[in-house]
Amino acid sequence: MRRTITVMTRNLYLGANLDPIVSAMSAGKSFDAVAAGWTQVQANDFPTRARAIAAEVASVEPDFVGLQELALFRTQAPVDAVQTPATTAALDYELELQQAFAERDLRYRFVVSKASTDVELSIGEPPTMHVRMTLRNALLVRNGISVGDVRCGNYPTVMQMDGGPFVARRGWVSVDATIAGTTFRVIASHLESYDRATQEAQSEEILSGPARTELPVVLLGDLNSRPDGSTTATYANLVAGGFDDAWTRAYPDAPGLTCCHGEDLRLVGGAFTERIDYVLMRGGFEAVRGAVTGEAESTRLDGLWPSDHGGVWLTLRLPAR
């Protein structure tokens, strides 16, 4: 009877840098920035990148995969006078992943997917098109693994972007599973990147929310916090809350950098410079081995990096019963 699980966290990259849009919104002139962002999303071609992500999963065969920035883009053109929310699906990352997995006969299922940020912005002055972006967190589970107590939610602390109705929400998804007689919880999450206070509050909300359990816990996610505390206290907050860093346990002398390629995934060059994507564990897990994916040139597919982030996978020994 096996006594290990393999887990993976994967930020998929929504396809564009939102900084120019946020700045333009503050100035009240976001139309051109939104158009440029939508063009960048299409150039970064997630249907192709989904095939690269599927190749990663095929090579690792994780039991659980936590996904961040599982985007859904919807459009409306022409724009109606009553500002009905856009409903025409233009690009659905979940659907593209399902198709890429099917091509490889990878037997996984989306057990839970939860929308967080959902914003609709205009292109043109006057507007000629609306683009609606919905970002989701999700958990993929390998077929044959039974899960229960499926949960999801968004953090109470949100960030209101300056200059408009852009509310940045972040969230989490979780499942409980039993393998080899050990029941544990797996959580996937994505924390705020634009505001330190918001992110640090969300780290405390993990501890008081989905991680509030007597079960052993694995936390997968893009936490947007460096382990040395140079950016935010989130990593330290979670360690103080009982979590251990699986990467540093398995590879104490390896930096395990996970971020980031440039916003245009067609560009070559540039090694990762920081570690913000994690597998954290609590309750008796032991880290055995793992790796960072998506940084080597060999991972590019049809001229594209799989994402701006690398993926992180770890094999963990289950807690003693």
C-alpha atoms as a PDB file:
ATOM      1  CA  MET A   1       0.000   0.000   0.000  1.00  0.00           C
ATOM      2  CA  ARG A   2       1.490   3.335  -1.045  1.00  0.00           C
ATOM      3  CA  ARG A   3       2.294   5.892   1.623  1.00  0.00           C
ATOM      4  CA  THR A   4       3.033   8.925  -0.579  1.00  0.00           C
ATOM      5  CA  ILE A   5       1.111  11.502  -2.610  1.00  0.00           C
ATOM      6  CA  THR A   6       2.368  13.851  -5.310  1.00  0.00           C
ATOM      7  CA  VAL A   7       0.972  17.377  -5.461  1.00  0.00           C
ATOM      8  CA  MET A   8       1.514  20.264  -7.848  1.00  0.00           C
ATOM      9  CA  THR A   9       0.734  23.973  -7.871  1.00  0.00           C
ATOM     10  CA  ARG A  10       0.413  25.797 -11.213  1.00  0.00           C
ATOM     11  CA  ASN A  11      -0.250  29.442 -11.909  1.00  0.00           C
ATOM     12  CA  LEU A  12      -1.495  29.440 -15.518  1.00  0.00           C
ATOM     13  CA  TYR A  13      -1.037  33.190 -16.199  1.00  0.00           C
ATOM     14  CA  LEU A  14      -4.116  35.084 -17.294  1.00  0.00           C
ATOM     15  CA  GLY A  15      -2.219  36.162 -20.403  1.00  0.00           C
ATOM     16  CA  ALA A  16      -1.500  39.851 -19.870  1.00  0.00           C
ATOM     17  CA  ASN A  17       0.063  42.225 -17.378  1.00  0.00           C
ATOM     18  CA  LEU A  18      -2.719  44.122 -15.616  1.00  0.00           C
ATOM     19  CA  ASP A  19      -0.460  46.931 -14.356  1.00  0.00           C
ATOM     20  CA  PRO A  20      -0.983  49.208 -17.403  1.00  0.00           C
ATOM     21  CA  ILE A  21      -4.746  48.725 -17.134  1.00  0.00           C
ATOM     22  CA  VAL A  22      -4.777  49.518 -13.408  1.00  0.00           C
ATOM     23  CA  SER A  23      -2.666  52.638 -14.003  1.00  0.00           C
ATOM     24  CA  ALA A  24      -4.871  53.764 -16.886  1.00  0.00           C
ATOM     25  CA  MET A  25      -8.001  53.251 -14.804  1.00  0.00           C
ATOM     26  CA  SER A  26      -6.563  55.547 -12.148  1.00  0.00           C
ATOM     27  CA  ALA A  27      -6.172  58.191 -14.863  1.00  0.00           C
ATOM     28  CA  GLY A  28      -9.669  57.528 -16.210  1.00  0.00           C
ATOM     29  CA  LYS A  29      -8.352  56.391 -19.615  1.00  0.00           C
ATOM     30  CA  SER A  30      -8.284  52.608 -19.674  1.00  0.00           C
ATOM     31  CA  PHE A  31      -9.692  52.026 -23.188  1.00  0.00           C
ATOM     32  CA  ASP A  32      -6.382  51.670 -25.052  1.00  0.00           C
ATOM     33  CA  ALA A  33      -4.787  49.700 -22.210  1.00  0.00           C
ATOM     34  CA  VAL A  34      -7.658  47.209 -22.194  1.00  0.00           C
ATOM     35  CA  ALA A  35      -7.352  46.770 -25.969  1.00  0.00           C
ATOM     36  CA  ALA A  36      -3.610  46.156 -25.655  1.00  0.00           C
ATOM     37  CA  GLY A  37      -4.185  43.685 -22.825  1.00  0.00           C
ATOM     38  CA  TRP A  38      -6.755  41.711 -24.789  1.00  0.00           C
ATOM     39  CA  THR A  39      -4.373  41.584 -27.760  1.00  0.00           C
ATOM     40  CA  GLN A  40      -1.656  40.260 -25.438  1.00  0.00           C
ATOM     41  CA  VAL A  41      -3.975  37.562 -24.051  1.00  0.00           C
ATOM     42  CA  GLN A  42      -4.646  36.295 -27.562  1.00  0.00           C
ATOM     43  CA  ALA A  43      -0.950  36.409 -28.540  1.00  0.00           C
ATOM     44  CA  ASN A  44      -0.088  34.340 -25.470  1.00  0.00           C
ATOM     45  CA  ASP A  45      -2.361  31.656 -26.930  1.00  0.00           C
ATOM     46  CA  PHE A  46      -3.621  29.543 -24.041  1.00  0.00           C
ATOM     47  CA  PRO A  47      -4.861  26.669 -26.256  1.00  0.00           C
ATOM     48  CA  THR A  48      -1.213  26.048 -27.147  1.00  0.00           C
ATOM     49  CA  ARG A  49      -0.027  26.600 -23.590  1.00  0.00           C
ATOM     50  CA  ALA A  50      -2.664  24.176 -22.279  1.00  0.00           C
ATOM     51  CA  ARG A  51      -0.908  21.442 -24.258  1.00  0.00           C
ATOM     52  CA  ALA A  52       2.375  22.350 -22.530  1.00  0.00           C
ATOM     53  CA  ILE A  53       0.681  22.204 -19.117  1.00  0.00           C
ATOM     54  CA  ALA A  54      -0.764  18.807 -20.043  1.00  0.00           C
ATOM     55  CA  ALA A  55       2.753  17.634 -20.919  1.00  0.00           C
ATOM     56  CA  GLU A  56       3.957  18.712 -17.476  1.00  0.00           C
ATOM     57  CA  VAL A  57       1.165  16.822 -15.759  1.00  0.00           C
ATOM     58  CA  ALA A  58       1.820  13.748 -17.891  1.00  0.00           C
ATOM     59  CA  SER A  59       5.496  13.756 -16.881  1.00  0.00           C
ATOM     60  CA  VAL A  60       4.829  14.217 -13.148  1.00  0.00           C
ATOM     61  CA  GLU A  61       1.525  12.328 -12.699  1.00  0.00           C
ATOM     62  CA  PRO A  62       0.464  14.288  -9.610  1.00  0.00           C
ATOM     63  CA  ASP A  63      -2.498  13.179  -7.540  1.00  0.00           C
ATOM     64  CA  PHE A  64      -3.658  16.753  -6.910  1.00  0.00           C
ATOM     65  CA  VAL A  65      -3.035  19.912  -8.958  1.00  0.00           C
ATOM     66  CA  GLY A  66      -3.875  23.357  -7.578  1.00  0.00           C
ATOM     67  CA  LEU A  67      -4.521  25.889 -10.341  1.00  0.00           C
ATOM     68  CA  GLN A  68      -4.456  29.673 -10.148  1.00  0.00           C
ATOM     69  CA  GLU A  69      -5.534  32.173 -12.831  1.00  0.00           C
ATOM     70  CA  LEU A  70      -7.819  29.642 -14.492  1.00  0.00           C
ATOM     71  CA  ALA A  71      -9.233  32.430 -16.642  1.00  0.00           C
ATOM     72  CA  LEU A  72     -12.526  32.766 -18.459  1.00  0.00           C
ATOM     73  CA  PHE A  73     -12.802  35.613 -20.961  1.00  0.00           C
ATOM     74  CA  ARG A  74     -16.183  36.696 -22.289  1.00  0.00           C
ATOM     75  CA  THR A  75     -16.915  39.475 -24.752  1.00  0.00           C
ATOM     76  CA  GLN A  76     -19.777  41.625 -25.938  1.00  0.00           C
ATOM     77  CA  ALA A  77     -19.847  43.468 -29.247  1.00  0.00           C
ATOM     78  CA  PRO A  78     -21.615  45.632 -30.086  1.00  0.00           C
ATOM     79  CA  VAL A  79     -22.071  47.087 -26.605  1.00  0.00           C
ATOM     80  CA  ASP A  80     -25.680  47.446 -25.470  1.00  0.00           C
ATOM     81  CA  ALA A  81     -27.080  50.570 -23.846  1.00  0.00           C
ATOM     82  CA  VAL A  82     -28.045  48.870 -20.560  1.00  0.00           C
ATOM     83  CA  GLN A  83     -24.589  47.365 -19.990  1.00  0.00           C
ATOM     84  CA  THR A  84     -25.672  43.743 -19.827  1.00  0.00           C
ATOM     85  CA  PRO A  85     -22.761  41.605 -18.548  1.00  0.00           C
ATOM     86  CA  ALA A  86     -20.810  39.976 -21.363  1.00  0.00           C
ATOM     87  CA  THR A  87     -21.721  36.305 -21.834  1.00  0.00           C
ATOM     88  CA  THR A  88     -20.107  35.245 -25.130  1.00  0.00           C
ATOM     89  CA  ALA A  89     -17.257  32.902 -24.214  1.00  0.00           C
ATOM     90  CA  ALA A  90     -14.092  33.905 -26.086  1.00  0.00           C
ATOM     91  CA  LEU A  91     -11.487  31.871 -24.188  1.00  0.00           C
ATOM     92  CA  ASP A  92     -12.089  29.359 -21.386  1.00  0.00           C
ATOM     93  CA  TYR A  93      -8.922  27.995 -19.771  1.00  0.00           C
ATOM     94  CA  GLU A  94     -10.811  25.153 -18.094  1.00  0.00           C
ATOM     95  CA  LEU A  95     -12.251  23.935 -21.380  1.00  0.00           C
ATOM     96  CA  GLU A  96      -8.861  24.207 -23.113  1.00  0.00           C
ATOM     97  CA  LEU A  97      -7.188  22.185 -20.354  1.00  0.00           C
ATOM     98  CA  GLN A  98      -9.864  19.510 -20.543  1.00  0.00           C
ATOM     99  CA  GLN A  99      -9.280  19.191 -24.281  1.00  0.00           C
ATOM    100  CA  ALA A 100      -5.488  19.080 -23.879  1.00  0.00           C
ATOM    101  CA  PHE A 101      -5.791  16.414 -21.192  1.00  0.00           C
ATOM    102  CA  ALA A 102      -8.141  14.368 -23.354  1.00  0.00           C
ATOM    103  CA  GLU A 103      -5.629  14.425 -26.218  1.00  0.00           C
ATOM    104  CA  ARG A 104      -3.108  12.747 -23.905  1.00  0.00           C
ATOM    105  CA  ASP A 105      -5.681  10.530 -22.210  1.00  0.00           C
ATOM    106  CA  LEU A 106      -4.845  12.136 -18.865  1.00  0.00           C
ATOM    107  CA  ARG A 107      -7.521  11.058 -16.460  1.00  0.00           C
ATOM    108  CA  TYR A 108      -8.158  13.977 -14.162  1.00  0.00           C
ATOM    109  CA  ARG A 109     -11.282  15.839 -13.126  1.00  0.00           C
ATOM    110  CA  PHE A 110     -12.008  19.362 -11.971  1.00  0.00           C
ATOM    111  CA  VAL A 111     -13.390  18.648  -8.512  1.00  0.00           C
ATOM    112  CA  VAL A 112     -13.912  22.277  -7.584  1.00  0.00           C
ATOM    113  CA  SER A 113     -13.525  25.599  -9.389  1.00  0.00           C
ATOM    114  CA  LYS A 114     -14.306  28.946  -7.769  1.00  0.00           C
ATOM    115  CA  ALA A 115     -14.459  32.402  -9.368  1.00  0.00           C
ATOM    116  CA  SER A 116     -12.711  35.239  -7.551  1.00  0.00           C
ATOM    117  CA  THR A 117     -12.033  38.464  -9.480  1.00  0.00           C
ATOM    118  CA  ASP A 118     -14.704  39.159 -12.112  1.00  0.00           C
ATOM    119  CA  VAL A 119     -14.356  42.444 -13.975  1.00  0.00           C
ATOM    120  CA  GLU A 120     -15.701  43.819 -17.255  1.00  0.00           C
ATOM    121  CA  LEU A 121     -13.903  46.648 -19.065  1.00  0.00           C
ATOM    122  CA  SER A 122     -14.432  48.591 -22.268  1.00  0.00           C
ATOM    123  CA  ILE A 123     -12.428  48.922 -25.458  1.00  0.00           C
ATOM    124  CA  GLY A 124     -12.843  52.114 -27.480  1.00  0.00           C
ATOM    125  CA  GLU A 125     -14.174  55.601 -26.813  1.00  0.00           C
ATOM    126  CA  PRO A 126     -17.106  55.431 -27.172  1.00  0.00           C
ATOM    127  CA  PRO A 127     -16.988  51.697 -26.276  1.00  0.00           C
ATOM    128  CA  THR A 128     -17.127  49.286 -29.187  1.00  0.00           C
ATOM    129  CA  MET A 129     -16.499  46.108 -27.200  1.00  0.00           C
ATOM    130  CA  HIS A 130     -16.548  44.829 -23.634  1.00  0.00           C
ATOM    131  CA  VAL A 131     -14.103  42.221 -22.334  1.00  0.00           C
ATOM    132  CA  ARG A 132     -15.053  40.401 -19.166  1.00  0.00           C
ATOM    133  CA  MET A 133     -12.313  38.577 -17.242  1.00  0.00           C
ATOM    134  CA  THR A 134     -13.174  36.010 -14.574  1.00  0.00           C
ATOM    135  CA  LEU A 135     -10.301  34.448 -12.634  1.00  0.00           C
ATOM    136  CA  ARG A 136     -10.774  31.135 -10.852  1.00  0.00           C
ATOM    137  CA  ASN A 137      -8.935  28.841  -8.463  1.00  0.00           C
ATOM    138  CA  ALA A 138      -9.379  25.124  -9.024  1.00  0.00           C
ATOM    139  CA  LEU A 139      -8.303  21.676  -7.914  1.00  0.00           C
ATOM    140  CA  LEU A 140      -7.646  18.871 -10.351  1.00  0.00           C
ATOM    141  CA  VAL A 141      -7.747  15.373  -8.873  1.00  0.00           C
ATOM    142  CA  ARG A 142      -6.505  12.230 -10.556  1.00  0.00           C
ATOM    143  CA  ASN A 143      -9.265   9.751 -11.344  1.00  0.00           C
ATOM    144  CA  GLY A 144      -9.452   6.923  -8.847  1.00  0.00           C
ATOM    145  CA  ILE A 145      -8.923   9.188  -5.826  1.00  0.00           C
ATOM    146  CA  SER A 146     -12.101   9.766  -3.848  1.00  0.00           C
ATOM    147  CA  VAL A 147     -12.578  13.161  -2.232  1.00  0.00           C
ATOM    148  CA  GLY A 148     -15.211  14.661   0.010  1.00  0.00           C
ATOM    149  CA  ASP A 149     -16.079  17.803   1.942  1.00  0.00           C
ATOM    150  CA  VAL A 150     -15.497  19.904  -1.187  1.00  0.00           C
ATOM    151  CA  ARG A 151     -15.357  23.576  -0.242  1.00  0.00           C
ATOM    152  CA  CYS A 152     -14.577  26.932  -1.830  1.00  0.00           C
ATOM    153  CA  GLY A 153     -14.723  30.579  -0.901  1.00  0.00           C
ATOM    154  CA  ASN A 154     -13.332  34.070  -1.335  1.00  0.00           C
ATOM    155  CA  TYR A 155     -11.414  35.932   1.327  1.00  0.00           C
ATOM    156  CA  PRO A 156     -13.310  38.658   3.222  1.00  0.00           C
ATOM    157  CA  THR A 157     -10.456  41.116   2.650  1.00  0.00           C
ATOM    158  CA  VAL A 158     -10.549  42.518  -0.887  1.00  0.00           C
ATOM    159  CA  MET A 159      -8.819  45.376  -2.659  1.00  0.00           C
ATOM    160  CA  GLN A 160     -10.684  48.156  -4.428  1.00  0.00           C
ATOM    161  CA  MET A 161      -8.646  49.343  -7.405  1.00  0.00           C
ATOM    162  CA  ASP A 162      -8.389  53.109  -7.827  1.00  0.00           C
ATOM    163  CA  GLY A 163     -10.372  54.763 -10.561  1.00  0.00           C
ATOM    164  CA  GLY A 164     -13.196  52.324 -11.137  1.00  0.00           C
ATOM    165  CA  PRO A 165     -15.279  49.303 -10.154  1.00  0.00           C
ATOM    166  CA  PHE A 166     -12.331  46.882 -10.341  1.00  0.00           C
ATOM    167  CA  VAL A 167     -12.487  44.909  -7.091  1.00  0.00           C
ATOM    168  CA  ALA A 168      -9.653  42.421  -6.750  1.00  0.00           C
ATOM    169  CA  ARG A 169     -10.983  39.345  -4.969  1.00  0.00           C
ATOM    170  CA  ARG A 170      -8.889  36.328  -4.035  1.00  0.00           C
ATOM    171  CA  GLY A 171     -10.096  32.917  -3.025  1.00  0.00           C
ATOM    172  CA  TRP A 172      -9.455  29.279  -2.226  1.00  0.00           C
ATOM    173  CA  VAL A 173     -10.753  25.785  -2.924  1.00  0.00           C
ATOM    174  CA  SER A 174     -10.293  22.628  -0.840  1.00  0.00           C
ATOM    175  CA  VAL A 175     -11.077  18.923  -0.663  1.00  0.00           C
ATOM    176  CA  ASP A 176     -10.565  16.193   1.909  1.00  0.00           C
ATOM    177  CA  ALA A 177      -9.160  12.880   0.728  1.00  0.00           C
ATOM    178  CA  THR A 178      -8.277   9.532   2.281  1.00  0.00           C
ATOM    179  CA  ILE A 179      -5.318   7.541   0.947  1.00  0.00           C
ATOM    180  CA  ALA A 180      -3.809   4.496   2.642  1.00  0.00           C
ATOM    181  CA  GLY A 181      -6.019   5.087   5.644  1.00  0.00           C
ATOM    182  CA  THR A 182      -4.882   8.702   6.176  1.00  0.00           C
ATOM    183  CA  THR A 183      -7.404  11.516   5.746  1.00  0.00           C
ATOM    184  CA  PHE A 184      -6.022  14.954   4.908  1.00  0.00           C
ATOM    185  CA  ARG A 185      -7.073  18.268   3.368  1.00  0.00           C
ATOM    186  CA  VAL A 186      -5.701  19.832   0.179  1.00  0.00           C
ATOM    187  CA  ILE A 187      -6.176  23.595  -0.290  1.00  0.00           C
ATOM    188  CA  ALA A 188      -5.343  25.644  -3.397  1.00  0.00           C
ATOM    189  CA  SER A 189      -5.209  29.432  -3.239  1.00  0.00           C
ATOM    190  CA  HIS A 190      -3.956  32.637  -4.825  1.00  0.00           C
ATOM    191  CA  LEU A 191      -3.232  35.690  -2.655  1.00  0.00           C
ATOM    192  CA  GLU A 192      -3.241  39.393  -3.513  1.00  0.00           C
ATOM    193  CA  SER A 193      -0.224  40.786  -5.349  1.00  0.00           C
ATOM    194  CA  TYR A 194      -0.984  44.523  -5.480  1.00  0.00           C
ATOM    195  CA  ASP A 195      -1.397  45.377  -1.810  1.00  0.00           C
ATOM    196  CA  ARG A 196       0.664  44.067   1.107  1.00  0.00           C
ATOM    197  CA  ALA A 197      -1.892  44.682   3.860  1.00  0.00           C
ATOM    198  CA  THR A 198      -4.616  42.928   1.870  1.00  0.00           C
ATOM    199  CA  GLN A 199      -2.400  39.920   1.197  1.00  0.00           C
ATOM    200  CA  GLU A 200      -1.250  39.592   4.793  1.00  0.00           C
ATOM    201  CA  ALA A 201      -4.860  39.723   5.998  1.00  0.00           C
ATOM    202  CA  GLN A 202      -5.717  36.964   3.529  1.00  0.00           C
ATOM    203  CA  SER A 203      -2.889  34.798   4.899  1.00  0.00           C
ATOM    204  CA  GLU A 204      -4.497  35.010   8.336  1.00  0.00           C
ATOM    205  CA  GLU A 205      -7.864  34.205   6.752  1.00  0.00           C
ATOM    206  CA  ILE A 206      -6.402  30.974   5.364  1.00  0.00           C
ATOM    207  CA  LEU A 207      -5.528  29.935   8.906  1.00  0.00           C
ATOM    208  CA  SER A 208      -8.911  30.881  10.334  1.00  0.00           C
ATOM    209  CA  GLY A 209     -10.814  29.540   7.300  1.00  0.00           C
ATOM    210  CA  PRO A 210      -9.997  26.541   5.096  1.00  0.00           C
ATOM    211  CA  ALA A 211      -6.926  25.508   7.144  1.00  0.00           C
ATOM    212  CA  ARG A 212      -8.850  25.488  10.411  1.00  0.00           C
ATOM    213  CA  THR A 213      -8.991  21.728  10.852  1.00  0.00           C
ATOM    214  CA  GLU A 214      -7.426  18.976  12.914  1.00  0.00           C
ATOM    215  CA  LEU A 215      -6.630  17.098   9.696  1.00  0.00           C
ATOM    216  CA  PRO A 216      -3.159  17.173   8.137  1.00  0.00           C
ATOM    217  CA  VAL A 217      -3.138  19.892   5.450  1.00  0.00           C
ATOM    218  CA  VAL A 218      -1.338  20.542   2.164  1.00  0.00           C
ATOM    219  CA  LEU A 219      -1.555  24.143   0.930  1.00  0.00           C
ATOM    220  CA  LEU A 220      -0.812  24.748  -2.764  1.00  0.00           C
ATOM    221  CA  GLY A 221      -0.590  28.202  -4.196  1.00  0.00           C
ATOM    222  CA  ASP A 222       0.825  31.389  -5.567  1.00  0.00           C
ATOM    223  CA  LEU A 223       1.177  33.340  -2.326  1.00  0.00           C
ATOM    224  CA  ASN A 224       2.984  36.354  -3.852  1.00  0.00           C
ATOM    225  CA  SER A 225       5.281  36.397  -0.816  1.00  0.00           C
ATOM    226  CA  ARG A 226       9.010  35.697  -0.724  1.00  0.00           C
ATOM    227  CA  PRO A 227      10.227  33.386   2.028  1.00  0.00           C
ATOM    228  CA  ASP A 228      12.823  35.877   3.277  1.00  0.00           C
ATOM    229  CA  GLY A 229      10.103  38.382   4.241  1.00  0.00           C
ATOM    230  CA  SER A 230      11.441  41.046   1.884  1.00  0.00           C
ATOM    231  CA  THR A 231       8.042  41.592   0.278  1.00  0.00           C
ATOM    232  CA  THR A 232       5.347  40.613   2.786  1.00  0.00           C
ATOM    233  CA  ALA A 233       4.889  38.736   6.075  1.00  0.00           C
ATOM    234  CA  THR A 234       2.537  36.182   4.528  1.00  0.00           C
ATOM    235  CA  TYR A 235       5.070  33.347   4.383  1.00  0.00           C
ATOM    236  CA  ALA A 236       6.037  33.975   8.008  1.00  0.00           C
ATOM    237  CA  ASN A 237       2.379  34.136   9.050  1.00  0.00           C
ATOM    238  CA  LEU A 238       1.694  30.714   7.566  1.00  0.00           C
ATOM    239  CA  VAL A 239       4.828  29.207   9.105  1.00  0.00           C
ATOM    240  CA  ALA A 240       3.775  30.645  12.466  1.00  0.00           C
ATOM    241  CA  GLY A 241       0.409  28.983  11.851  1.00  0.00           C
ATOM    242  CA  GLY A 242       2.088  25.573  11.749  1.00  0.00           C
ATOM    243  CA  PHE A 243       2.922  25.141   8.062  1.00  0.00           C
ATOM    244  CA  ASP A 244       6.260  23.812   6.856  1.00  0.00           C
ATOM    245  CA  ASP A 245       7.805  24.505   3.451  1.00  0.00           C
ATOM    246  CA  ALA A 246       8.040  21.228   1.536  1.00  0.00           C
ATOM    247  CA  TRP A 247      10.598  22.572  -0.947  1.00  0.00           C
ATOM    248  CA  THR A 248      13.104  23.673   1.688  1.00  0.00           C
ATOM    249  CA  ARG A 249      12.676  20.373   3.521  1.00  0.00           C
ATOM    250  CA  ALA A 250      13.454  18.380   0.385  1.00  0.00           C
ATOM    251  CA  TYR A 251      16.087  20.783  -1.021  1.00  0.00           C
ATOM    252  CA  PRO A 252      17.505  23.014   1.740  1.00  0.00           C
ATOM    253  CA  ASP A 253      20.344  24.244  -0.493  1.00  0.00           C
ATOM    254  CA  ALA A 254      18.336  24.854  -3.696  1.00  0.00           C
ATOM    255  CA  PRO A 255      16.556  28.201  -4.214  1.00  0.00           C
ATOM    256  CA  GLY A 256      13.537  26.687  -6.014  1.00  0.00           C
ATOM    257  CA  LEU A 257      12.767  29.931  -7.874  1.00  0.00           C
ATOM    258  CA  THR A 258       9.376  30.005  -9.617  1.00  0.00           C
ATOM    259  CA  CYS A 259       8.874  33.467 -11.117  1.00  0.00           C
ATOM    260  CA  CYS A 260       8.785  34.963 -13.662  1.00  0.00           C
ATOM    261  CA  HIS A 261       9.043  34.994 -17.435  1.00  0.00           C
ATOM    262  CA  GLY A 262       8.012  38.229 -19.142  1.00  0.00           C
ATOM    263  CA  GLU A 263       4.427  39.186 -19.906  1.00  0.00           C
ATOM    264  CA  ASP A 264       4.944  38.244 -23.581  1.00  0.00           C
ATOM    265  CA  LEU A 265       5.499  34.497 -23.461  1.00  0.00           C
ATOM    266  CA  ARG A 266       6.894  34.481 -26.989  1.00  0.00           C
ATOM    267  CA  LEU A 267      10.122  36.124 -25.784  1.00  0.00           C
ATOM    268  CA  VAL A 268      13.120  33.904 -25.049  1.00  0.00           C
ATOM    269  CA  GLY A 269      15.509  34.345 -22.145  1.00  0.00           C
ATOM    270  CA  GLY A 270      15.331  35.434 -18.548  1.00  0.00           C
ATOM    271  CA  ALA A 271      15.726  33.025 -15.642  1.00  0.00           C
ATOM    272  CA  PHE A 272      13.413  33.026 -12.630  1.00  0.00           C
ATOM    273  CA  THR A 273      14.446  35.437  -9.875  1.00  0.00           C
ATOM    274  CA  GLU A 274      12.076  34.827  -6.953  1.00  0.00           C
ATOM    275  CA  ARG A 275      10.110  32.107  -5.188  1.00  0.00           C
ATOM    276  CA  ILE A 276       6.438  32.859  -4.592  1.00  0.00           C
ATOM    277  CA  ASP A 277       4.746  29.538  -5.493  1.00  0.00           C
ATOM    278  CA  TYR A 278       4.610  26.939  -2.747  1.00  0.00           C
ATOM    279  CA  VAL A 279       3.718  23.540  -1.451  1.00  0.00           C
ATOM    280  CA  LEU A 280       3.239  24.004   2.292  1.00  0.00           C
ATOM    281  CA  MET A 281       2.383  21.139   4.635  1.00  0.00           C
ATOM    282  CA  ARG A 282       1.169  20.685   8.181  1.00  0.00           C
ATOM    283  CA  GLY A 283       0.371  17.705  10.344  1.00  0.00           C
ATOM    284  CA  GLY A 284       3.185  15.228   9.804  1.00  0.00           C
ATOM    285  CA  PHE A 285       3.852  15.140   6.054  1.00  0.00           C
ATOM    286  CA  GLU A 286       7.450  14.604   4.946  1.00  0.00           C
ATOM    287  CA  ALA A 287       8.840  16.014   1.694  1.00  0.00           C
ATOM    288  CA  VAL A 288      10.566  13.375  -0.436  1.00  0.00           C
ATOM    289  CA  ARG A 289      11.415  14.904  -3.816  1.00  0.00           C
ATOM    290  CA  GLY A 290      10.178  17.426  -6.356  1.00  0.00           C
ATOM    291  CA  ALA A 291      11.063  19.946  -9.040  1.00  0.00           C
ATOM    292  CA  VAL A 292      10.188  23.271 -10.634  1.00  0.00           C
ATOM    293  CA  THR A 293       8.734  23.055 -14.138  1.00  0.00           C
ATOM    294  CA  GLY A 294       8.466  25.546 -16.970  1.00  0.00           C
ATOM    295  CA  GLU A 295      11.826  27.318 -16.790  1.00  0.00           C
ATOM    296  CA  ALA A 296      13.953  25.263 -19.197  1.00  0.00           C
ATOM    297  CA  GLU A 297      13.920  26.194 -22.883  1.00  0.00           C
ATOM    298  CA  SER A 298      12.799  22.638 -23.660  1.00  0.00           C
ATOM    299  CA  THR A 299       9.422  23.349 -22.045  1.00  0.00           C
ATOM    300  CA  ARG A 300       8.494  25.946 -24.679  1.00  0.00           C
ATOM    301  CA  LEU A 301       5.840  24.788 -27.125  1.00  0.00           C
ATOM    302  CA  ASP A 302       5.361  26.427 -30.522  1.00  0.00           C
ATOM    303  CA  GLY A 303       7.438  29.380 -29.359  1.00  0.00           C
ATOM    304  CA  LEU A 304       5.610  29.945 -26.043  1.00  0.00           C
ATOM    305  CA  TRP A 305       6.477  29.391 -22.404  1.00  0.00           C
ATOM    306  CA  PRO A 306       3.775  27.356 -20.611  1.00  0.00           C
ATOM    307  CA  SER A 307       3.184  30.295 -18.240  1.00  0.00           C
ATOM    308  CA  ASP A 308       4.976  33.262 -16.737  1.00  0.00           C
ATOM    309  CA  HIS A 309       5.375  31.193 -13.541  1.00  0.00           C
ATOM    310  CA  GLY A 310       6.944  27.808 -13.086  1.00  0.00           C
ATOM    311  CA  GLY A 311       5.023  24.941 -11.650  1.00  0.00           C
ATOM    312  CA  VAL A 312       6.120  23.263  -8.406  1.00  0.00           C
ATOM    313  CA  TRP A 313       5.561  19.602  -7.616  1.00  0.00           C
ATOM    314  CA  LEU A 314       6.492  17.618  -4.540  1.00  0.00           C
ATOM    315  CA  THR A 315       6.078  14.016  -3.505  1.00  0.00           C
ATOM    316  CA  LEU A 316       5.104  13.870   0.165  1.00  0.00           C
ATOM    317  CA  ARG A 317       5.152  10.941   2.559  1.00  0.00           C
ATOM    318  CA  LEU A 318       1.837  10.671   4.347  1.00  0.00           C
ATOM    319  CA  PRO A 319       1.666  11.252   8.101  1.00  0.00           C
ATOM    320  CA  ALA A 320       1.911   8.176  10.283  1.00  0.00           C
ATOM    321  CA  ARG A 321      -1.497   6.852  11.188  1.00  0.00           C
END
